[in-house]
Amino acid sequence: MQMCAQISSGKLAGKVKQCMDVLVDTIDGNSAIARSMADAPEIDGVVKVVKGGKLKIGGFADVEITGSSDHDLEAKEIQAN
């Protein structure tokens, strides 16, 4: 398990500063819990969108990945101009 966590952590760290489209699964306070097109619900990690509490559940959001952990990503919403 420790080896898997190290591999996952390295792969997710490589996604920092990338932009992606995510599907919002739920709202947790002022954050949205979402997933990318490569993530299966309840199996893969999540993308936590900080200050994403106003996003719509079931909707898509463009985000920039700002951080990572062993299994999850953290992101901020990209505001449309």
PDB file of N, CA and C in Angstrom:
ATOM      1  N   MET A   1       0.824  -1.199   0.000  1.00  0.00           N
ATOM      2  CA  MET A   1       0.000   0.000   0.000  1.00  0.00           C
ATOM      3  C   MET A   1       0.869   1.265   0.000  1.00  0.00           C
ATOM      4  N   GLN A   2       1.976   1.193   0.750  1.00  0.00           N
ATOM      5  CA  GLN A   2       2.860   2.352   0.812  1.00  0.00           C
ATOM      6  C   GLN A   2       3.475   2.644  -0.558  1.00  0.00           C
ATOM      7  N   MET A   3       3.851   1.601  -1.274  1.00  0.00           N
ATOM      8  CA  MET A   3       4.422   1.762  -2.617  1.00  0.00           C
ATOM      9  C   MET A   3       3.376   2.356  -3.565  1.00  0.00           C
ATOM     10  N   CYS A   4       2.135   1.887  -3.473  1.00  0.00           N
ATOM     11  CA  CYS A   4       1.052   2.418  -4.313  1.00  0.00           C
ATOM     12  C   CYS A   4       0.833   3.899  -4.033  1.00  0.00           C
ATOM     13  N   ALA A   5       0.866   4.287  -2.759  1.00  0.00           N
ATOM     14  CA  ALA A   5       0.679   5.690  -2.384  1.00  0.00           C
ATOM     15  C   ALA A   5       1.802   6.550  -2.960  1.00  0.00           C
ATOM     16  N   GLN A   6       3.028   6.053  -2.942  1.00  0.00           N
ATOM     17  CA  GLN A   6       4.156   6.811  -3.497  1.00  0.00           C
ATOM     18  C   GLN A   6       4.010   6.984  -5.007  1.00  0.00           C
ATOM     19  N   ILE A   7       3.609   5.944  -5.691  1.00  0.00           N
ATOM     20  CA  ILE A   7       3.413   6.020  -7.143  1.00  0.00           C
ATOM     21  C   ILE A   7       2.300   6.999  -7.474  1.00  0.00           C
ATOM     22  N   SER A   8       1.180   6.871  -6.774  1.00  0.00           N
ATOM     23  CA  SER A   8       0.044   7.765  -6.996  1.00  0.00           C
ATOM     24  C   SER A   8       0.421   9.211  -6.722  1.00  0.00           C
ATOM     25  N   SER A   9       1.127   9.448  -5.619  1.00  0.00           N
ATOM     26  CA  SER A   9       1.545  10.798  -5.251  1.00  0.00           C
ATOM     27  C   SER A   9       2.393  11.434  -6.342  1.00  0.00           C
ATOM     28  N   GLY A  10       3.311  10.669  -6.897  1.00  0.00           N
ATOM     29  CA  GLY A  10       4.169  11.181  -7.967  1.00  0.00           C
ATOM     30  C   GLY A  10       3.399  11.522  -9.229  1.00  0.00           C
ATOM     31  N   LYS A  11       2.464  10.648  -9.596  1.00  0.00           N
ATOM     32  CA  LYS A  11       1.662  10.909 -10.802  1.00  0.00           C
ATOM     33  C   LYS A  11       0.770  12.129 -10.619  1.00  0.00           C
ATOM     34  N   LEU A  12       0.156  12.261  -9.441  1.00  0.00           N
ATOM     35  CA  LEU A  12      -0.732  13.393  -9.195  1.00  0.00           C
ATOM     36  C   LEU A  12       0.050  14.701  -9.094  1.00  0.00           C
ATOM     37  N   ALA A  13       1.240  14.669  -8.536  1.00  0.00           N
ATOM     38  CA  ALA A  13       2.067  15.875  -8.448  1.00  0.00           C
ATOM     39  C   ALA A  13       2.367  16.421  -9.846  1.00  0.00           C
ATOM     40  N   GLY A  14       2.453  15.549 -10.823  1.00  0.00           N
ATOM     41  CA  GLY A  14       2.689  15.967 -12.200  1.00  0.00           C
ATOM     42  C   GLY A  14       1.515  16.704 -12.829  1.00  0.00           C
ATOM     43  N   LYS A  15       0.364  16.674 -12.191  1.00  0.00           N
ATOM     44  CA  LYS A  15      -0.822  17.361 -12.724  1.00  0.00           C
ATOM     45  C   LYS A  15      -0.967  18.786 -12.195  1.00  0.00           C
ATOM     46  N   VAL A  16      -0.136  19.158 -11.203  1.00  0.00           N
ATOM     47  CA  VAL A  16      -0.207  20.509 -10.640  1.00  0.00           C
ATOM     48  C   VAL A  16       0.102  21.525 -11.738  1.00  0.00           C
ATOM     49  N   LYS A  17      -0.667  22.590 -11.780  1.00  0.00           N
ATOM     50  CA  LYS A  17      -0.624  23.692 -12.751  1.00  0.00           C
ATOM     51  C   LYS A  17      -1.314  23.353 -14.068  1.00  0.00           C
ATOM     52  N   GLN A  18      -1.857  22.141 -14.197  1.00  0.00           N
ATOM     53  CA  GLN A  18      -2.620  21.793 -15.396  1.00  0.00           C
ATOM     54  C   GLN A  18      -4.067  22.272 -15.231  1.00  0.00           C
ATOM     55  N   CYS A  19      -4.712  22.511 -16.349  1.00  0.00           N
ATOM     56  CA  CYS A  19      -6.128  22.856 -16.348  1.00  0.00           C
ATOM     57  C   CYS A  19      -6.913  21.633 -16.786  1.00  0.00           C
ATOM     58  N   MET A  20      -8.094  21.446 -16.205  1.00  0.00           N
ATOM     59  CA  MET A  20      -8.939  20.321 -16.601  1.00  0.00           C
ATOM     60  C   MET A  20     -10.403  20.651 -16.356  1.00  0.00           C
ATOM     61  N   ASP A  21     -11.249  19.914 -17.020  1.00  0.00           N
ATOM     62  CA  ASP A  21     -12.694  20.024 -16.866  1.00  0.00           C
ATOM     63  C   ASP A  21     -13.112  18.934 -15.882  1.00  0.00           C
ATOM     64  N   VAL A  22     -13.852  19.311 -14.832  1.00  0.00           N
ATOM     65  CA  VAL A  22     -14.262  18.337 -13.829  1.00  0.00           C
ATOM     66  C   VAL A  22     -15.781  18.329 -13.680  1.00  0.00           C
ATOM     67  N   LEU A  23     -16.308  17.200 -13.222  1.00  0.00           N
ATOM     68  CA  LEU A  23     -17.732  17.033 -12.947  1.00  0.00           C
ATOM     69  C   LEU A  23     -17.930  17.161 -11.442  1.00  0.00           C
ATOM     70  N   VAL A  24     -18.821  18.046 -11.028  1.00  0.00           N
ATOM     71  CA  VAL A  24     -19.074  18.293  -9.605  1.00  0.00           C
ATOM     72  C   VAL A  24     -20.017  17.224  -9.067  1.00  0.00           C
ATOM     73  N   ASP A  25     -19.549  16.494  -8.040  1.00  0.00           N
ATOM     74  CA  ASP A  25     -20.350  15.435  -7.424  1.00  0.00           C
ATOM     75  C   ASP A  25     -21.122  15.918  -6.205  1.00  0.00           C
ATOM     76  N   THR A  26     -20.511  16.784  -5.401  1.00  0.00           N
ATOM     77  CA  THR A  26     -21.156  17.242  -4.175  1.00  0.00           C
ATOM     78  C   THR A  26     -20.533  18.556  -3.716  1.00  0.00           C
ATOM     79  N   ILE A  27     -21.210  19.226  -2.809  1.00  0.00           N
ATOM     80  CA  ILE A  27     -20.712  20.457  -2.206  1.00  0.00           C
ATOM     81  C   ILE A  27     -20.460  20.174  -0.735  1.00  0.00           C
ATOM     82  N   ASP A  28     -19.286  20.596  -0.248  1.00  0.00           N
ATOM     83  CA  ASP A  28     -18.915  20.409   1.150  1.00  0.00           C
ATOM     84  C   ASP A  28     -18.504  21.772   1.702  1.00  0.00           C
ATOM     85  N   GLY A  29     -19.458  22.473   2.284  1.00  0.00           N
ATOM     86  CA  GLY A  29     -19.185  23.828   2.770  1.00  0.00           C
ATOM     87  C   GLY A  29     -18.924  24.755   1.606  1.00  0.00           C
ATOM     88  N   ASN A  30     -17.746  25.374   1.595  1.00  0.00           N
ATOM     89  CA  ASN A  30     -17.390  26.289   0.520  1.00  0.00           C
ATOM     90  C   ASN A  30     -16.516  25.614  -0.536  1.00  0.00           C
ATOM     91  N   SER A  31     -16.459  24.290  -0.514  1.00  0.00           N
ATOM     92  CA  SER A  31     -15.672  23.540  -1.500  1.00  0.00           C
ATOM     93  C   SER A  31     -16.575  22.603  -2.284  1.00  0.00           C
ATOM     94  N   ALA A  32     -16.183  22.348  -3.520  1.00  0.00           N
ATOM     95  CA  ALA A  32     -16.884  21.364  -4.335  1.00  0.00           C
ATOM     96  C   ALA A  32     -16.004  20.122  -4.422  1.00  0.00           C
ATOM     97  N   ILE A  33     -16.622  18.968  -4.357  1.00  0.00           N
ATOM     98  CA  ILE A  33     -15.926  17.710  -4.535  1.00  0.00           C
ATOM     99  C   ILE A  33     -16.267  17.222  -5.937  1.00  0.00           C
ATOM    100  N   ALA A  34     -15.250  17.093  -6.765  1.00  0.00           N
ATOM    101  CA  ALA A  34     -15.458  16.789  -8.180  1.00  0.00           C
ATOM    102  C   ALA A  34     -14.528  15.661  -8.619  1.00  0.00           C
ATOM    103  N   ARG A  35     -14.667  15.287  -9.893  1.00  0.00           N
ATOM    104  CA  ARG A  35     -13.787  14.264 -10.455  1.00  0.00           C
ATOM    105  C   ARG A  35     -13.500  14.593 -11.911  1.00  0.00           C
ATOM    106  N   SER A  36     -12.344  14.140 -12.359  1.00  0.00           N
ATOM    107  CA  SER A  36     -11.969  14.360 -13.752  1.00  0.00           C
ATOM    108  C   SER A  36     -12.547  13.235 -14.599  1.00  0.00           C
ATOM    109  N   MET A  37     -12.366  13.326 -15.900  1.00  0.00           N
ATOM    110  CA  MET A  37     -12.907  12.296 -16.789  1.00  0.00           C
ATOM    111  C   MET A  37     -12.213  10.957 -16.573  1.00  0.00           C
ATOM    112  N   ALA A  38     -11.063  10.952 -15.924  1.00  0.00           N
ATOM    113  CA  ALA A  38     -10.325   9.705 -15.693  1.00  0.00           C
ATOM    114  C   ALA A  38     -10.659   9.059 -14.349  1.00  0.00           C
ATOM    115  N   ASP A  39     -11.522   9.692 -13.560  1.00  0.00           N
ATOM    116  CA  ASP A  39     -11.809   9.208 -12.207  1.00  0.00           C
ATOM    117  C   ASP A  39     -13.195   8.580 -12.104  1.00  0.00           C
ATOM    118  N   ALA A  40     -13.236   7.389 -11.508  1.00  0.00           N
ATOM    119  CA  ALA A  40     -14.500   6.698 -11.257  1.00  0.00           C
ATOM    120  C   ALA A  40     -14.959   7.020  -9.837  1.00  0.00           C
ATOM    121  N   PRO A  41     -16.263   7.298  -9.651  1.00  0.00           N
ATOM    122  CA  PRO A  41     -16.750   7.607  -8.303  1.00  0.00           C
ATOM    123  C   PRO A  41     -16.543   6.433  -7.351  1.00  0.00           C
ATOM    124  N   GLU A  42     -16.175   6.752  -6.119  1.00  0.00           N
ATOM    125  CA  GLU A  42     -15.990   5.793  -5.036  1.00  0.00           C
ATOM    126  C   GLU A  42     -14.831   4.820  -5.271  1.00  0.00           C
ATOM    127  N   ILE A  43     -14.054   5.018  -6.336  1.00  0.00           N
ATOM    128  CA  ILE A  43     -12.899   4.163  -6.600  1.00  0.00           C
ATOM    129  C   ILE A  43     -11.627   5.006  -6.619  1.00  0.00           C
ATOM    130  N   ASP A  44     -11.633   6.061  -7.431  1.00  0.00           N
ATOM    131  CA  ASP A  44     -10.463   6.921  -7.579  1.00  0.00           C
ATOM    132  C   ASP A  44     -10.553   8.110  -6.630  1.00  0.00           C
ATOM    133  N   GLY A  45      -9.481   8.873  -6.606  1.00  0.00           N
ATOM    134  CA  GLY A  45      -9.440  10.074  -5.777  1.00  0.00           C
ATOM    135  C   GLY A  45     -10.393  11.146  -6.299  1.00  0.00           C
ATOM    136  N   VAL A  46     -10.419  12.264  -5.599  1.00  0.00           N
ATOM    137  CA  VAL A  46     -11.310  13.367  -5.953  1.00  0.00           C
ATOM    138  C   VAL A  46     -10.496  14.609  -6.264  1.00  0.00           C
ATOM    139  N   VAL A  47     -11.176  15.582  -6.847  1.00  0.00           N
ATOM    140  CA  VAL A  47     -10.617  16.910  -7.059  1.00  0.00           C
ATOM    141  C   VAL A  47     -11.414  17.844  -6.156  1.00  0.00           C
ATOM    142  N   LYS A  48     -10.752  18.393  -5.144  1.00  0.00           N
ATOM    143  CA  LYS A  48     -11.414  19.331  -4.227  1.00  0.00           C
ATOM    144  C   LYS A  48     -11.230  20.733  -4.787  1.00  0.00           C
ATOM    145  N   VAL A  49     -12.351  21.373  -5.157  1.00  0.00           N
ATOM    146  CA  VAL A  49     -12.304  22.710  -5.727  1.00  0.00           C
ATOM    147  C   VAL A  49     -12.525  23.703  -4.587  1.00  0.00           C
ATOM    148  N   VAL A  50     -11.442  24.367  -4.172  1.00  0.00           N
ATOM    149  CA  VAL A  50     -11.498  25.336  -3.087  1.00  0.00           C
ATOM    150  C   VAL A  50     -12.339  26.529  -3.537  1.00  0.00           C
ATOM    151  N   LYS A  51     -13.178  27.029  -2.660  1.00  0.00           N
ATOM    152  CA  LYS A  51     -14.097  28.139  -2.951  1.00  0.00           C
ATOM    153  C   LYS A  51     -15.040  27.783  -4.100  1.00  0.00           C
ATOM    154  N   GLY A  52     -15.379  26.494  -4.207  1.00  0.00           N
ATOM    155  CA  GLY A  52     -16.278  26.035  -5.264  1.00  0.00           C
ATOM    156  C   GLY A  52     -17.679  25.750  -4.754  1.00  0.00           C
ATOM    157  N   GLY A  53     -18.013  26.273  -3.593  1.00  0.00           N
ATOM    158  CA  GLY A  53     -19.307  26.004  -2.980  1.00  0.00           C
ATOM    159  C   GLY A  53     -20.509  26.459  -3.780  1.00  0.00           C
ATOM    160  N   LYS A  54     -20.321  27.360  -4.730  1.00  0.00           N
ATOM    161  CA  LYS A  54     -21.446  27.854  -5.541  1.00  0.00           C
ATOM    162  C   LYS A  54     -21.586  27.107  -6.864  1.00  0.00           C
ATOM    163  N   LEU A  55     -20.698  26.150  -7.119  1.00  0.00           N
ATOM    164  CA  LEU A  55     -20.832  25.346  -8.336  1.00  0.00           C
ATOM    165  C   LEU A  55     -22.062  24.451  -8.230  1.00  0.00           C
ATOM    166  N   LYS A  56     -22.590  24.038  -9.344  1.00  0.00           N
ATOM    167  CA  LYS A  56     -23.804  23.221  -9.366  1.00  0.00           C
ATOM    168  C   LYS A  56     -23.448  21.734  -9.403  1.00  0.00           C
ATOM    169  N   ILE A  57     -24.093  20.970  -8.517  1.00  0.00           N
ATOM    170  CA  ILE A  57     -23.918  19.518  -8.516  1.00  0.00           C
ATOM    171  C   ILE A  57     -24.400  18.978  -9.859  1.00  0.00           C
ATOM    172  N   GLY A  58     -23.589  18.136 -10.483  1.00  0.00           N
ATOM    173  CA  GLY A  58     -23.913  17.582 -11.794  1.00  0.00           C
ATOM    174  C   GLY A  58     -23.419  18.438 -12.944  1.00  0.00           C
ATOM    175  N   GLY A  59     -22.888  19.612 -12.617  1.00  0.00           N
ATOM    176  CA  GLY A  59     -22.360  20.504 -13.648  1.00  0.00           C
ATOM    177  C   GLY A  59     -20.868  20.336 -13.822  1.00  0.00           C
ATOM    178  N   PHE A  60     -20.352  20.922 -14.876  1.00  0.00           N
ATOM    179  CA  PHE A  60     -18.927  20.866 -15.157  1.00  0.00           C
ATOM    180  C   PHE A  60     -18.280  22.192 -14.790  1.00  0.00           C
ATOM    181  N   ALA A  61     -16.997  22.147 -14.437  1.00  0.00           N
ATOM    182  CA  ALA A  61     -16.248  23.355 -14.112  1.00  0.00           C
ATOM    183  C   ALA A  61     -14.843  23.233 -14.671  1.00  0.00           C
ATOM    184  N   ASP A  62     -14.321  24.337 -15.173  1.00  0.00           N
ATOM    185  CA  ASP A  62     -12.929  24.395 -15.605  1.00  0.00           C
ATOM    186  C   ASP A  62     -12.097  24.793 -14.399  1.00  0.00           C
ATOM    187  N   VAL A  63     -11.085  23.993 -14.078  1.00  0.00           N
ATOM    188  CA  VAL A  63     -10.267  24.251 -12.901  1.00  0.00           C
ATOM    189  C   VAL A  63      -8.779  24.168 -13.239  1.00  0.00           C
ATOM    190  N   GLU A  64      -7.976  24.797 -12.390  1.00  0.00           N
ATOM    191  CA  GLU A  64      -6.524  24.661 -12.446  1.00  0.00           C
ATOM    192  C   GLU A  64      -6.098  23.898 -11.209  1.00  0.00           C
ATOM    193  N   ILE A  65      -5.316  22.853 -11.385  1.00  0.00           N
ATOM    194  CA  ILE A  65      -4.851  22.047 -10.262  1.00  0.00           C
ATOM    195  C   ILE A  65      -3.777  22.834  -9.511  1.00  0.00           C
ATOM    196  N   THR A  66      -3.982  22.993  -8.196  1.00  0.00           N
ATOM    197  CA  THR A  66      -3.070  23.800  -7.374  1.00  0.00           C
ATOM    198  C   THR A  66      -2.273  22.966  -6.384  1.00  0.00           C
ATOM    199  N   GLY A  67      -2.669  21.720  -6.154  1.00  0.00           N
ATOM    200  CA  GLY A  67      -1.954  20.885  -5.205  1.00  0.00           C
ATOM    201  C   GLY A  67      -2.378  19.435  -5.330  1.00  0.00           C
ATOM    202  N   SER A  68      -1.616  18.567  -4.652  1.00  0.00           N
ATOM    203  CA  SER A  68      -1.936  17.140  -4.702  1.00  0.00           C
ATOM    204  C   SER A  68      -1.525  16.467  -3.405  1.00  0.00           C
ATOM    205  N   SER A  69      -2.125  15.314  -3.163  1.00  0.00           N
ATOM    206  CA  SER A  69      -1.756  14.464  -2.031  1.00  0.00           C
ATOM    207  C   SER A  69      -1.518  13.064  -2.582  1.00  0.00           C
ATOM    208  N   ASP A  70      -1.526  12.057  -1.737  1.00  0.00           N
ATOM    209  CA  ASP A  70      -1.301  10.694  -2.224  1.00  0.00           C
ATOM    210  C   ASP A  70      -2.373  10.236  -3.210  1.00  0.00           C
ATOM    211  N   HIS A  71      -3.627  10.676  -3.000  1.00  0.00           N
ATOM    212  CA  HIS A  71      -4.730  10.155  -3.818  1.00  0.00           C
ATOM    213  C   HIS A  71      -5.653  11.224  -4.402  1.00  0.00           C
ATOM    214  N   ASP A  72      -5.563  12.458  -3.931  1.00  0.00           N
ATOM    215  CA  ASP A  72      -6.504  13.498  -4.334  1.00  0.00           C
ATOM    216  C   ASP A  72      -5.788  14.730  -4.888  1.00  0.00           C
ATOM    217  N   LEU A  73      -6.569  15.534  -5.605  1.00  0.00           N
ATOM    218  CA  LEU A  73      -6.069  16.797  -6.140  1.00  0.00           C
ATOM    219  C   LEU A  73      -6.828  17.956  -5.518  1.00  0.00           C
ATOM    220  N   GLU A  74      -6.190  19.123  -5.454  1.00  0.00           N
ATOM    221  CA  GLU A  74      -6.848  20.345  -5.013  1.00  0.00           C
ATOM    222  C   GLU A  74      -6.781  21.323  -6.187  1.00  0.00           C
ATOM    223  N   ALA A  75      -7.848  22.110  -6.351  1.00  0.00           N
ATOM    224  CA  ALA A  75      -7.928  22.989  -7.522  1.00  0.00           C
ATOM    225  C   ALA A  75      -8.644  24.281  -7.193  1.00  0.00           C
ATOM    226  N   LYS A  76      -8.518  25.229  -8.122  1.00  0.00           N
ATOM    227  CA  LYS A  76      -9.296  26.455  -8.045  1.00  0.00           C
ATOM    228  C   LYS A  76     -10.027  26.606  -9.374  1.00  0.00           C
ATOM    229  N   GLU A  77     -11.209  27.171  -9.302  1.00  0.00           N
ATOM    230  CA  GLU A  77     -12.010  27.373 -10.512  1.00  0.00           C
ATOM    231  C   GLU A  77     -11.362  28.442 -11.380  1.00  0.00           C
ATOM    232  N   ILE A  78     -11.366  28.204 -12.684  1.00  0.00           N
ATOM    233  CA  ILE A  78     -10.888  29.201 -13.639  1.00  0.00           C
ATOM    234  C   ILE A  78     -12.086  30.062 -14.001  1.00  0.00           C
ATOM    235  N   GLN A  79     -11.996  31.330 -13.717  1.00  0.00           N
ATOM    236  CA  GLN A  79     -13.094  32.252 -13.990  1.00  0.00           C
ATOM    237  C   GLN A  79     -13.092  32.649 -15.462  1.00  0.00           C
ATOM    238  N   ALA A  80     -14.255  32.587 -16.100  1.00  0.00           N
ATOM    239  CA  ALA A  80     -14.386  33.000 -17.495  1.00  0.00           C
ATOM    240  C   ALA A  80     -14.286  34.514 -17.581  1.00  0.00           C
ATOM    241  N   ASN A  81     -13.637  35.012 -18.626  1.00  0.00           N
ATOM    242  CA  ASN A  81     -13.496  36.466 -18.810  1.00  0.00           C
ATOM    243  C   ASN A  81     -14.656  37.014 -19.588  1.00  0.00           C
TER     244      ASN A  81
END
